[in-house]
Amino acid sequence: MKRIGAFILVLLAAVCALYFSERRSESAPVSANPMVEIAADAQRDLTRLPMRLTRLSDHDEIAIGNELAKQYSVGGANLSDEQLALEGYIRRVGSALALHAHRRLPYSFHLLPNRSMINAFSLPGGPVYVGEGLLDLMTSEDQMAAVLGHEIEHIDHYHCAERVQVEARLRNLNLGVIGAVVQIPLSVWEAGYNKDEELEADREGMRLAVVAGYSPYGAVTLFEKLAKLQREYIIHAQSPEEELSQLAIQSLEGYFRSHPQPSERLAQAQRIIAQEGWQNREAQRPFRLEYEVHNGRSVK
């Protein structure tokens, strides 16, 4: 009976998708992909229904996130002038994106000052972290927006909150005791989510970036860059054109293990651009980090 009910819900979602696609004024390539994605989202929502019934309140999620964030805290005095400017840059772009998020949470954006850290991740309730090594790979502000949008959507779509629930259950932790939840290792947050959630964060993060005025091609060029690095350093099909430390390569290997293949992410991004008619939004803003040092202090 449950399977029949799930099938009916998926079928209704597909019919609704077809109806609204027919009402679109813009022409788009005919494809079954949008319907498949909506049907998959509906099926995934059904499997996450138990989590929704016992979901953390926003208040508890924020409290847990704030407590976890203390373990990542890096005082401004420990950052170089360039790193302070990078963190300010992340905050400006992230704050512009967060204005368009569905959930009104205290989103915050932070730099992890480690050039070997080629990753970004988010915590429940709003904190987002970007490794300095990932920023080193970027050539446009739109690429940063794609990364930050992706991480915001992990929070916005309750991926982080649901991970708290799963980990607490696996470790027999009391969700009502913040100190107990902090026992969840930091590595859990640095790891990626399942494939469906990662691709969902990609899709919604792109849309968030576009609404905030950024180019969807920020995601495209970033995925192209990651695909190139995967070929050069992981698959070893080519000689590396960039010099990365061994620690950075290890970080890169971990990133690829915990995320869908760059080729799959790239294909989805290009498909969404075609579906949404965003082909004319190619122009990207340069990655511009501007600061001066006066008497040992950085000035923006």
C-alpha atoms as a PDB file:
ATOM      1  CA  MET A   1       0.000   0.000   0.000  1.00  0.00           C
ATOM      2  CA  LYS A   2       2.857   2.373   0.857  1.00  0.00           C
ATOM      3  CA  ARG A   3       4.472   1.725  -2.520  1.00  0.00           C
ATOM      4  CA  ILE A   4       1.215   2.514  -4.308  1.00  0.00           C
ATOM      5  CA  GLY A   5       0.876   5.766  -2.385  1.00  0.00           C
ATOM      6  CA  ALA A   6       4.471   6.711  -3.204  1.00  0.00           C
ATOM      7  CA  PHE A   7       3.902   5.917  -6.891  1.00  0.00           C
ATOM      8  CA  ILE A   8       0.779   8.090  -6.964  1.00  0.00           C
ATOM      9  CA  LEU A   9       2.643  11.036  -5.406  1.00  0.00           C
ATOM     10  CA  VAL A  10       5.512  10.680  -7.881  1.00  0.00           C
ATOM     11  CA  LEU A  11       3.033  10.450 -10.763  1.00  0.00           C
ATOM     12  CA  LEU A  12       1.213  13.599  -9.582  1.00  0.00           C
ATOM     13  CA  ALA A  13       4.526  15.454  -9.326  1.00  0.00           C
ATOM     14  CA  ALA A  14       5.408  14.422 -12.871  1.00  0.00           C
ATOM     15  CA  VAL A  15       2.015  15.538 -14.191  1.00  0.00           C
ATOM     16  CA  CYS A  16       2.378  18.908 -12.439  1.00  0.00           C
ATOM     17  CA  ALA A  17       5.855  19.309 -13.939  1.00  0.00           C
ATOM     18  CA  LEU A  18       4.471  18.620 -17.409  1.00  0.00           C
ATOM     19  CA  TYR A  19       1.607  21.083 -16.890  1.00  0.00           C
ATOM     20  CA  PHE A  20       3.847  23.938 -15.777  1.00  0.00           C
ATOM     21  CA  SER A  21       6.438  23.212 -18.442  1.00  0.00           C
ATOM     22  CA  GLU A  22       3.705  23.599 -21.077  1.00  0.00           C
ATOM     23  CA  ARG A  23       2.770  26.995 -19.610  1.00  0.00           C
ATOM     24  CA  ARG A  24       6.327  28.367 -19.902  1.00  0.00           C
ATOM     25  CA  SER A  25       6.530  31.223 -22.367  1.00  0.00           C
ATOM     26  CA  GLU A  26      10.195  30.542 -23.195  1.00  0.00           C
ATOM     27  CA  SER A  27      11.055  27.704 -25.499  1.00  0.00           C
ATOM     28  CA  ALA A  28      13.405  25.045 -24.148  1.00  0.00           C
ATOM     29  CA  PRO A  29      14.896  21.839 -25.498  1.00  0.00           C
ATOM     30  CA  VAL A  30      12.494  18.923 -25.196  1.00  0.00           C
ATOM     31  CA  SER A  31      13.874  16.494 -22.643  1.00  0.00           C
ATOM     32  CA  ALA A  32      12.686  13.972 -20.084  1.00  0.00           C
ATOM     33  CA  ASN A  33      15.348  15.143 -17.619  1.00  0.00           C
ATOM     34  CA  PRO A  34      13.241  17.768 -15.800  1.00  0.00           C
ATOM     35  CA  MET A  35      10.479  15.242 -15.175  1.00  0.00           C
ATOM     36  CA  VAL A  36      12.967  12.613 -14.053  1.00  0.00           C
ATOM     37  CA  GLU A  37      14.550  15.090 -11.624  1.00  0.00           C
ATOM     38  CA  ILE A  38      11.185  16.103 -10.167  1.00  0.00           C
ATOM     39  CA  ALA A  39      10.112  12.486  -9.812  1.00  0.00           C
ATOM     40  CA  ALA A  40      13.421  11.665  -8.115  1.00  0.00           C
ATOM     41  CA  ASP A  41      13.012  14.642  -5.765  1.00  0.00           C
ATOM     42  CA  ALA A  42       9.500  13.478  -4.863  1.00  0.00           C
ATOM     43  CA  GLN A  43      10.711   9.941  -4.161  1.00  0.00           C
ATOM     44  CA  ARG A  44      13.588  11.297  -2.066  1.00  0.00           C
ATOM     45  CA  ASP A  45      11.218  13.502  -0.077  1.00  0.00           C
ATOM     46  CA  LEU A  46       9.172  10.425   0.760  1.00  0.00           C
ATOM     47  CA  THR A  47      12.217   8.601   2.111  1.00  0.00           C
ATOM     48  CA  ARG A  48      13.064  11.662   4.234  1.00  0.00           C
ATOM     49  CA  LEU A  49       9.538  11.947   5.637  1.00  0.00           C
ATOM     50  CA  PRO A  50      10.395  10.313   9.011  1.00  0.00           C
ATOM     51  CA  MET A  51      13.102  12.952   9.503  1.00  0.00           C
ATOM     52  CA  ARG A  52      10.607  15.716   8.795  1.00  0.00           C
ATOM     53  CA  LEU A  53       8.225  14.377  11.405  1.00  0.00           C
ATOM     54  CA  THR A  54      10.942  14.584  14.073  1.00  0.00           C
ATOM     55  CA  ARG A  55      12.863  17.534  12.652  1.00  0.00           C
ATOM     56  CA  LEU A  56      14.951  19.796  14.862  1.00  0.00           C
ATOM     57  CA  SER A  57      13.498  23.215  15.544  1.00  0.00           C
ATOM     58  CA  ASP A  58      15.368  26.127  13.998  1.00  0.00           C
ATOM     59  CA  HIS A  59      16.308  27.236  17.498  1.00  0.00           C
ATOM     60  CA  ASP A  60      17.916  23.888  18.352  1.00  0.00           C
ATOM     61  CA  GLU A  61      19.606  23.636  14.955  1.00  0.00           C
ATOM     62  CA  ILE A  62      21.153  27.096  15.366  1.00  0.00           C
ATOM     63  CA  ALA A  63      22.326  26.285  18.904  1.00  0.00           C
ATOM     64  CA  ILE A  64      23.980  23.060  17.720  1.00  0.00           C
ATOM     65  CA  GLY A  65      25.625  24.828  14.788  1.00  0.00           C
ATOM     66  CA  ASN A  66      26.972  27.605  17.008  1.00  0.00           C
ATOM     67  CA  GLU A  67      28.462  25.082  19.407  1.00  0.00           C
ATOM     68  CA  LEU A  68      30.093  23.095  16.604  1.00  0.00           C
ATOM     69  CA  ALA A  69      31.414  26.318  15.056  1.00  0.00           C
ATOM     70  CA  LYS A  70      33.482  27.020  18.187  1.00  0.00           C
ATOM     71  CA  GLN A  71      35.731  24.127  17.192  1.00  0.00           C
ATOM     72  CA  TYR A  72      36.505  25.830  13.884  1.00  0.00           C
ATOM     73  CA  SER A  73      36.982  29.312  15.307  1.00  0.00           C
ATOM     74  CA  VAL A  74      40.102  31.094  14.048  1.00  0.00           C
ATOM     75  CA  GLY A  75      40.768  34.461  15.627  1.00  0.00           C
ATOM     76  CA  GLY A  76      41.388  37.412  13.334  1.00  0.00           C
ATOM     77  CA  ALA A  77      44.757  37.941  15.001  1.00  0.00           C
ATOM     78  CA  ASN A  78      45.864  34.582  13.574  1.00  0.00           C
ATOM     79  CA  LEU A  79      45.023  35.552   9.979  1.00  0.00           C
ATOM     80  CA  SER A  80      47.320  37.348   7.582  1.00  0.00           C
ATOM     81  CA  ASP A  81      46.194  40.533   5.861  1.00  0.00           C
ATOM     82  CA  GLU A  82      45.433  38.546   2.705  1.00  0.00           C
ATOM     83  CA  GLN A  83      43.434  35.971   4.669  1.00  0.00           C
ATOM     84  CA  LEU A  84      41.447  38.686   6.435  1.00  0.00           C
ATOM     85  CA  ALA A  85      40.626  40.180   3.045  1.00  0.00           C
ATOM     86  CA  LEU A  86      39.623  36.738   1.730  1.00  0.00           C
ATOM     87  CA  GLU A  87      37.288  36.173   4.668  1.00  0.00           C
ATOM     88  CA  GLY A  88      35.712  39.594   4.119  1.00  0.00           C
ATOM     89  CA  TYR A  89      35.240  38.739   0.434  1.00  0.00           C
ATOM     90  CA  ILE A  90      33.554  35.428   1.322  1.00  0.00           C
ATOM     91  CA  ARG A  91      31.240  37.217   3.736  1.00  0.00           C
ATOM     92  CA  ARG A  92      30.206  39.836   1.182  1.00  0.00           C
ATOM     93  CA  VAL A  93      29.356  37.294  -1.507  1.00  0.00           C
ATOM     94  CA  GLY A  94      27.760  34.849   0.932  1.00  0.00           C
ATOM     95  CA  SER A  95      25.603  37.520   2.538  1.00  0.00           C
ATOM     96  CA  ALA A  96      24.293  38.599  -0.883  1.00  0.00           C
ATOM     97  CA  LEU A  97      23.269  35.003  -1.601  1.00  0.00           C
ATOM     98  CA  ALA A  98      21.786  34.343   1.842  1.00  0.00           C
ATOM     99  CA  LEU A  99      19.269  37.168   1.333  1.00  0.00           C
ATOM    100  CA  HIS A 100      17.518  34.879  -1.168  1.00  0.00           C
ATOM    101  CA  ALA A 101      17.585  31.665   0.872  1.00  0.00           C
ATOM    102  CA  HIS A 102      14.216  30.203   1.837  1.00  0.00           C
ATOM    103  CA  ARG A 103      15.039  29.755   5.515  1.00  0.00           C
ATOM    104  CA  ARG A 104      15.744  32.895   7.552  1.00  0.00           C
ATOM    105  CA  LEU A 105      18.738  31.690   9.524  1.00  0.00           C
ATOM    106  CA  PRO A 106      21.838  33.502  10.810  1.00  0.00           C
ATOM    107  CA  TYR A 107      24.059  32.452   7.907  1.00  0.00           C
ATOM    108  CA  SER A 108      27.724  33.237   8.445  1.00  0.00           C
ATOM    109  CA  PHE A 109      30.721  32.735   6.168  1.00  0.00           C
ATOM    110  CA  HIS A 110      34.255  31.899   7.187  1.00  0.00           C
ATOM    111  CA  LEU A 111      37.681  31.166   5.756  1.00  0.00           C
ATOM    112  CA  LEU A 112      39.605  28.065   6.780  1.00  0.00           C
ATOM    113  CA  PRO A 113      43.189  29.398   6.470  1.00  0.00           C
ATOM    114  CA  ASN A 114      44.756  26.289   4.990  1.00  0.00           C
ATOM    115  CA  ARG A 115      45.993  26.261   1.380  1.00  0.00           C
ATOM    116  CA  SER A 116      45.890  22.474   1.376  1.00  0.00           C
ATOM    117  CA  MET A 117      42.150  22.515   2.163  1.00  0.00           C
ATOM    118  CA  ILE A 118      40.406  22.092  -1.199  1.00  0.00           C
ATOM    119  CA  ASN A 119      36.879  21.831   0.128  1.00  0.00           C
ATOM    120  CA  ALA A 120      33.957  23.765   1.568  1.00  0.00           C
ATOM    121  CA  PHE A 121      31.284  22.640   4.013  1.00  0.00           C
ATOM    122  CA  SER A 122      28.431  23.886   6.160  1.00  0.00           C
ATOM    123  CA  LEU A 123      27.175  23.325   9.690  1.00  0.00           C
ATOM    124  CA  PRO A 124      23.581  23.157  10.965  1.00  0.00           C
ATOM    125  CA  GLY A 125      21.912  26.504  11.495  1.00  0.00           C
ATOM    126  CA  GLY A 126      23.997  28.675   9.186  1.00  0.00           C
ATOM    127  CA  PRO A 127      27.831  28.559   9.428  1.00  0.00           C
ATOM    128  CA  VAL A 128      29.609  28.014   6.087  1.00  0.00           C
ATOM    129  CA  TYR A 129      33.353  27.382   5.694  1.00  0.00           C
ATOM    130  CA  VAL A 130      35.568  27.591   2.608  1.00  0.00           C
ATOM    131  CA  GLY A 131      39.097  26.208   2.484  1.00  0.00           C
ATOM    132  CA  GLU A 132      41.806  28.572   1.276  1.00  0.00           C
ATOM    133  CA  GLY A 133      42.993  25.885  -1.147  1.00  0.00           C
ATOM    134  CA  LEU A 134      39.632  25.877  -2.924  1.00  0.00           C
ATOM    135  CA  LEU A 135      39.718  29.662  -3.234  1.00  0.00           C
ATOM    136  CA  ASP A 136      43.178  29.380  -4.834  1.00  0.00           C
ATOM    137  CA  LEU A 137      41.557  27.483  -7.722  1.00  0.00           C
ATOM    138  CA  MET A 138      38.973  30.182  -8.443  1.00  0.00           C
ATOM    139  CA  THR A 139      39.273  32.769 -11.186  1.00  0.00           C
ATOM    140  CA  SER A 140      35.869  34.466 -10.827  1.00  0.00           C
ATOM    141  CA  GLU A 141      33.560  35.735  -8.110  1.00  0.00           C
ATOM    142  CA  ASP A 142      30.790  33.720  -9.758  1.00  0.00           C
ATOM    143  CA  GLN A 143      32.677  30.510  -8.982  1.00  0.00           C
ATOM    144  CA  MET A 144      32.755  31.529  -5.327  1.00  0.00           C
ATOM    145  CA  ALA A 145      29.018  32.245  -5.515  1.00  0.00           C
ATOM    146  CA  ALA A 146      28.440  28.739  -6.904  1.00  0.00           C
ATOM    147  CA  VAL A 147      30.328  27.170  -3.979  1.00  0.00           C
ATOM    148  CA  LEU A 148      28.649  29.323  -1.325  1.00  0.00           C
ATOM    149  CA  GLY A 149      25.225  28.801  -2.900  1.00  0.00           C
ATOM    150  CA  HIS A 150      25.804  25.039  -2.809  1.00  0.00           C
ATOM    151  CA  GLU A 151      26.691  25.155   0.906  1.00  0.00           C
ATOM    152  CA  ILE A 152      23.762  27.436   1.771  1.00  0.00           C
ATOM    153  CA  GLU A 153      21.428  24.944   0.124  1.00  0.00           C
ATOM    154  CA  HIS A 154      22.792  22.097   2.241  1.00  0.00           C
ATOM    155  CA  ILE A 155      21.503  24.120   5.198  1.00  0.00           C
ATOM    156  CA  ASP A 156      18.403  25.485   3.469  1.00  0.00           C
ATOM    157  CA  HIS A 157      17.239  21.979   2.468  1.00  0.00           C
ATOM    158  CA  TYR A 158      17.869  20.517   5.948  1.00  0.00           C
ATOM    159  CA  HIS A 159      20.713  18.239   4.822  1.00  0.00           C
ATOM    160  CA  CYS A 160      22.830  19.422   7.781  1.00  0.00           C
ATOM    161  CA  ALA A 161      19.979  19.159  10.270  1.00  0.00           C
ATOM    162  CA  GLU A 162      19.109  15.647   9.126  1.00  0.00           C
ATOM    163  CA  ARG A 163      22.742  14.601   9.429  1.00  0.00           C
ATOM    164  CA  VAL A 164      22.636  15.704  13.076  1.00  0.00           C
ATOM    165  CA  GLN A 165      19.624  13.458  13.622  1.00  0.00           C
ATOM    166  CA  VAL A 166      21.223  10.479  11.871  1.00  0.00           C
ATOM    167  CA  GLU A 167      24.563  10.821  13.651  1.00  0.00           C
ATOM    168  CA  ALA A 168      22.897  11.329  17.037  1.00  0.00           C
ATOM    169  CA  ARG A 169      20.864   8.174  16.515  1.00  0.00           C
ATOM    170  CA  LEU A 170      23.898   6.145  15.395  1.00  0.00           C
ATOM    171  CA  ARG A 171      25.945   7.333  18.371  1.00  0.00           C
ATOM    172  CA  ASN A 172      23.099   7.201  20.916  1.00  0.00           C
ATOM    173  CA  LEU A 173      23.450  10.907  21.631  1.00  0.00           C
ATOM    174  CA  ASN A 174      20.766  12.992  23.289  1.00  0.00           C
ATOM    175  CA  LEU A 175      19.681  15.686  20.830  1.00  0.00           C
ATOM    176  CA  GLY A 176      18.381  17.729  23.725  1.00  0.00           C
ATOM    177  CA  VAL A 177      21.865  18.059  25.208  1.00  0.00           C
ATOM    178  CA  ILE A 178      24.003  20.345  23.073  1.00  0.00           C
ATOM    179  CA  GLY A 179      27.211  19.130  24.701  1.00  0.00           C
ATOM    180  CA  ALA A 180      26.399  15.573  23.644  1.00  0.00           C
ATOM    181  CA  VAL A 181      25.849  16.513  20.005  1.00  0.00           C
ATOM    182  CA  VAL A 182      29.251  18.221  19.893  1.00  0.00           C
ATOM    183  CA  GLN A 183      30.746  14.747  20.253  1.00  0.00           C
ATOM    184  CA  ILE A 184      29.995  14.256  16.544  1.00  0.00           C
ATOM    185  CA  PRO A 185      33.464  14.393  14.899  1.00  0.00           C
ATOM    186  CA  LEU A 186      34.299  17.411  12.746  1.00  0.00           C
ATOM    187  CA  SER A 187      35.177  15.043   9.900  1.00  0.00           C
ATOM    188  CA  VAL A 188      31.470  14.247   9.572  1.00  0.00           C
ATOM    189  CA  TRP A 189      30.790  17.829   8.451  1.00  0.00           C
ATOM    190  CA  GLU A 190      33.746  18.008   6.117  1.00  0.00           C
ATOM    191  CA  ALA A 191      32.574  14.877   4.302  1.00  0.00           C
ATOM    192  CA  GLY A 192      30.069  15.242   1.482  1.00  0.00           C
ATOM    193  CA  TYR A 193      26.447  14.139   1.515  1.00  0.00           C
ATOM    194  CA  ASN A 194      24.829  11.425  -0.535  1.00  0.00           C
ATOM    195  CA  LYS A 195      24.762  11.833  -4.298  1.00  0.00           C
ATOM    196  CA  ASP A 196      21.139  13.011  -4.455  1.00  0.00           C
ATOM    197  CA  GLU A 197      21.699  15.698  -1.829  1.00  0.00           C
ATOM    198  CA  GLU A 198      24.907  16.903  -3.479  1.00  0.00           C
ATOM    199  CA  LEU A 199      23.202  17.234  -6.863  1.00  0.00           C
ATOM    200  CA  GLU A 200      20.226  18.946  -5.213  1.00  0.00           C
ATOM    201  CA  ALA A 201      22.582  21.462  -3.587  1.00  0.00           C
ATOM    202  CA  ASP A 202      24.225  22.022  -6.984  1.00  0.00           C
ATOM    203  CA  ARG A 203      20.872  22.696  -8.690  1.00  0.00           C
ATOM    204  CA  GLU A 204      19.443  24.965  -6.013  1.00  0.00           C
ATOM    205  CA  GLY A 205      22.788  26.669  -5.407  1.00  0.00           C
ATOM    206  CA  MET A 206      22.957  27.629  -9.082  1.00  0.00           C
ATOM    207  CA  ARG A 207      19.466  29.096  -8.911  1.00  0.00           C
ATOM    208  CA  LEU A 208      20.348  30.996  -5.745  1.00  0.00           C
ATOM    209  CA  ALA A 209      23.438  32.464  -7.416  1.00  0.00           C
ATOM    210  CA  VAL A 210      21.469  33.533 -10.496  1.00  0.00           C
ATOM    211  CA  VAL A 211      18.781  35.216  -8.385  1.00  0.00           C
ATOM    212  CA  ALA A 212      21.570  37.108  -6.596  1.00  0.00           C
ATOM    213  CA  GLY A 213      22.854  38.363  -9.955  1.00  0.00           C
ATOM    214  CA  TYR A 214      25.671  35.910 -10.655  1.00  0.00           C
ATOM    215  CA  SER A 215      26.343  33.884 -13.772  1.00  0.00           C
ATOM    216  CA  PRO A 216      25.348  30.195 -13.773  1.00  0.00           C
ATOM    217  CA  TYR A 217      28.560  29.631 -15.707  1.00  0.00           C
ATOM    218  CA  GLY A 218      30.437  30.122 -12.441  1.00  0.00           C
ATOM    219  CA  ALA A 219      29.388  26.565 -11.582  1.00  0.00           C
ATOM    220  CA  VAL A 220      30.216  25.339 -15.095  1.00  0.00           C
ATOM    221  CA  THR A 221      33.769  26.713 -15.140  1.00  0.00           C
ATOM    222  CA  LEU A 222      34.405  25.468 -11.595  1.00  0.00           C
ATOM    223  CA  PHE A 223      33.255  21.937 -12.468  1.00  0.00           C
ATOM    224  CA  GLU A 224      35.433  22.068 -15.584  1.00  0.00           C
ATOM    225  CA  LYS A 225      38.373  23.024 -13.376  1.00  0.00           C
ATOM    226  CA  LEU A 226      37.652  20.168 -10.965  1.00  0.00           C
ATOM    227  CA  ALA A 227      37.321  17.701 -13.849  1.00  0.00           C
ATOM    228  CA  LYS A 228      40.732  18.812 -15.128  1.00  0.00           C
ATOM    229  CA  LEU A 229      42.305  18.371 -11.694  1.00  0.00           C
ATOM    230  CA  GLN A 230      40.727  14.950 -11.354  1.00  0.00           C
ATOM    231  CA  ARG A 231      42.252  13.862 -14.667  1.00  0.00           C
ATOM    232  CA  GLU A 232      45.651  15.282 -13.777  1.00  0.00           C
ATOM    233  CA  TYR A 233      46.018  14.242 -10.160  1.00  0.00           C
ATOM    234  CA  ILE A 234      43.571  11.420  -9.466  1.00  0.00           C
ATOM    235  CA  ILE A 235      43.188   9.494 -12.697  1.00  0.00           C
ATOM    236  CA  HIS A 236      46.707  10.467 -13.821  1.00  0.00           C
ATOM    237  CA  ALA A 237      45.658  10.601 -17.454  1.00  0.00           C
ATOM    238  CA  GLN A 238      47.635  13.799 -17.993  1.00  0.00           C
ATOM    239  CA  SER A 239      50.679  15.536 -16.629  1.00  0.00           C
ATOM    240  CA  PRO A 240      49.663  18.092 -13.972  1.00  0.00           C
ATOM    241  CA  GLU A 241      49.830  21.699 -15.139  1.00  0.00           C
ATOM    242  CA  GLU A 242      49.591  23.061 -11.583  1.00  0.00           C
ATOM    243  CA  GLU A 243      51.797  22.431  -8.595  1.00  0.00           C
ATOM    244  CA  LEU A 244      49.863  21.136  -5.615  1.00  0.00           C
ATOM    245  CA  SER A 245      51.330  19.949  -2.344  1.00  0.00           C
ATOM    246  CA  GLN A 246      50.850  16.343  -1.280  1.00  0.00           C
ATOM    247  CA  LEU A 247      48.437  17.489   1.426  1.00  0.00           C
ATOM    248  CA  ALA A 248      46.409  19.410  -1.156  1.00  0.00           C
ATOM    249  CA  ILE A 249      46.288  16.326  -3.381  1.00  0.00           C
ATOM    250  CA  GLN A 250      45.049  14.246  -0.438  1.00  0.00           C
ATOM    251  CA  SER A 251      42.372  16.858   0.220  1.00  0.00           C
ATOM    252  CA  LEU A 252      41.412  16.753  -3.449  1.00  0.00           C
ATOM    253  CA  GLU A 253      41.150  12.951  -3.343  1.00  0.00           C
ATOM    254  CA  GLY A 254      38.845  13.218  -0.328  1.00  0.00           C
ATOM    255  CA  TYR A 255      36.706  15.783  -2.117  1.00  0.00           C
ATOM    256  CA  PHE A 256      36.229  13.527  -5.142  1.00  0.00           C
ATOM    257  CA  ARG A 257      35.417  10.528  -2.942  1.00  0.00           C
ATOM    258  CA  SER A 258      32.644  12.426  -1.173  1.00  0.00           C
ATOM    259  CA  HIS A 259      31.072  14.212  -4.156  1.00  0.00           C
ATOM    260  CA  PRO A 260      29.527  13.128  -7.456  1.00  0.00           C
ATOM    261  CA  GLN A 261      31.833  12.974 -10.460  1.00  0.00           C
ATOM    262  CA  PRO A 262      32.659  16.442 -11.869  1.00  0.00           C
ATOM    263  CA  SER A 263      31.455  15.257 -15.286  1.00  0.00           C
ATOM    264  CA  GLU A 264      28.012  14.463 -13.851  1.00  0.00           C
ATOM    265  CA  ARG A 265      27.810  17.768 -12.004  1.00  0.00           C
ATOM    266  CA  LEU A 266      28.897  19.618 -15.132  1.00  0.00           C
ATOM    267  CA  ALA A 267      26.286  17.841 -17.274  1.00  0.00           C
ATOM    268  CA  GLN A 268      23.542  18.765 -14.799  1.00  0.00           C
ATOM    269  CA  ALA A 269      24.674  22.408 -14.702  1.00  0.00           C
ATOM    270  CA  GLN A 270      24.645  22.669 -18.495  1.00  0.00           C
ATOM    271  CA  ARG A 271      21.227  21.021 -18.625  1.00  0.00           C
ATOM    272  CA  ILE A 272      19.767  23.510 -16.132  1.00  0.00           C
ATOM    273  CA  ILE A 273      21.207  26.449 -18.075  1.00  0.00           C
ATOM    274  CA  ALA A 274      19.468  25.165 -21.215  1.00  0.00           C
ATOM    275  CA  GLN A 275      16.197  24.525 -19.381  1.00  0.00           C
ATOM    276  CA  GLU A 276      16.145  27.955 -17.749  1.00  0.00           C
ATOM    277  CA  GLY A 277      17.286  29.866 -20.838  1.00  0.00           C
ATOM    278  CA  TRP A 278      20.373  31.232 -19.106  1.00  0.00           C
ATOM    279  CA  GLN A 279      22.695  30.844 -22.117  1.00  0.00           C
ATOM    280  CA  ASN A 280      23.144  34.619 -22.424  1.00  0.00           C
ATOM    281  CA  ARG A 281      24.425  34.977 -18.843  1.00  0.00           C
ATOM    282  CA  GLU A 282      27.999  33.937 -19.570  1.00  0.00           C
ATOM    283  CA  ALA A 283      29.784  37.060 -18.303  1.00  0.00           C
ATOM    284  CA  GLN A 284      31.506  36.462 -14.971  1.00  0.00           C
ATOM    285  CA  ARG A 285      32.983  38.920 -12.501  1.00  0.00           C
ATOM    286  CA  PRO A 286      36.734  38.652 -11.951  1.00  0.00           C
ATOM    287  CA  PHE A 287      37.956  37.307  -8.619  1.00  0.00           C
ATOM    288  CA  ARG A 288      39.168  40.561  -7.109  1.00  0.00           C
ATOM    289  CA  LEU A 289      40.870  40.652  -3.749  1.00  0.00           C
ATOM    290  CA  GLU A 290      41.817  44.230  -2.945  1.00  0.00           C
ATOM    291  CA  TYR A 291      43.530  45.469   0.179  1.00  0.00           C
ATOM    292  CA  GLU A 292      46.445  47.596   1.229  1.00  0.00           C
ATOM    293  CA  VAL A 293      48.696  47.354   4.230  1.00  0.00           C
ATOM    294  CA  HIS A 294      49.259  50.562   6.208  1.00  0.00           C
ATOM    295  CA  ASN A 295      51.519  50.340   9.248  1.00  0.00           C
ATOM    296  CA  GLY A 296      50.937  46.625   9.551  1.00  0.00           C
ATOM    297  CA  ARG A 297      47.148  46.867   9.241  1.00  0.00           C
ATOM    298  CA  SER A 298      45.112  45.862   6.209  1.00  0.00           C
ATOM    299  CA  VAL A 299      42.843  48.451   4.636  1.00  0.00           C
ATOM    300  CA  LYS A 300      40.106  47.453   2.142  1.00  0.00           C
END
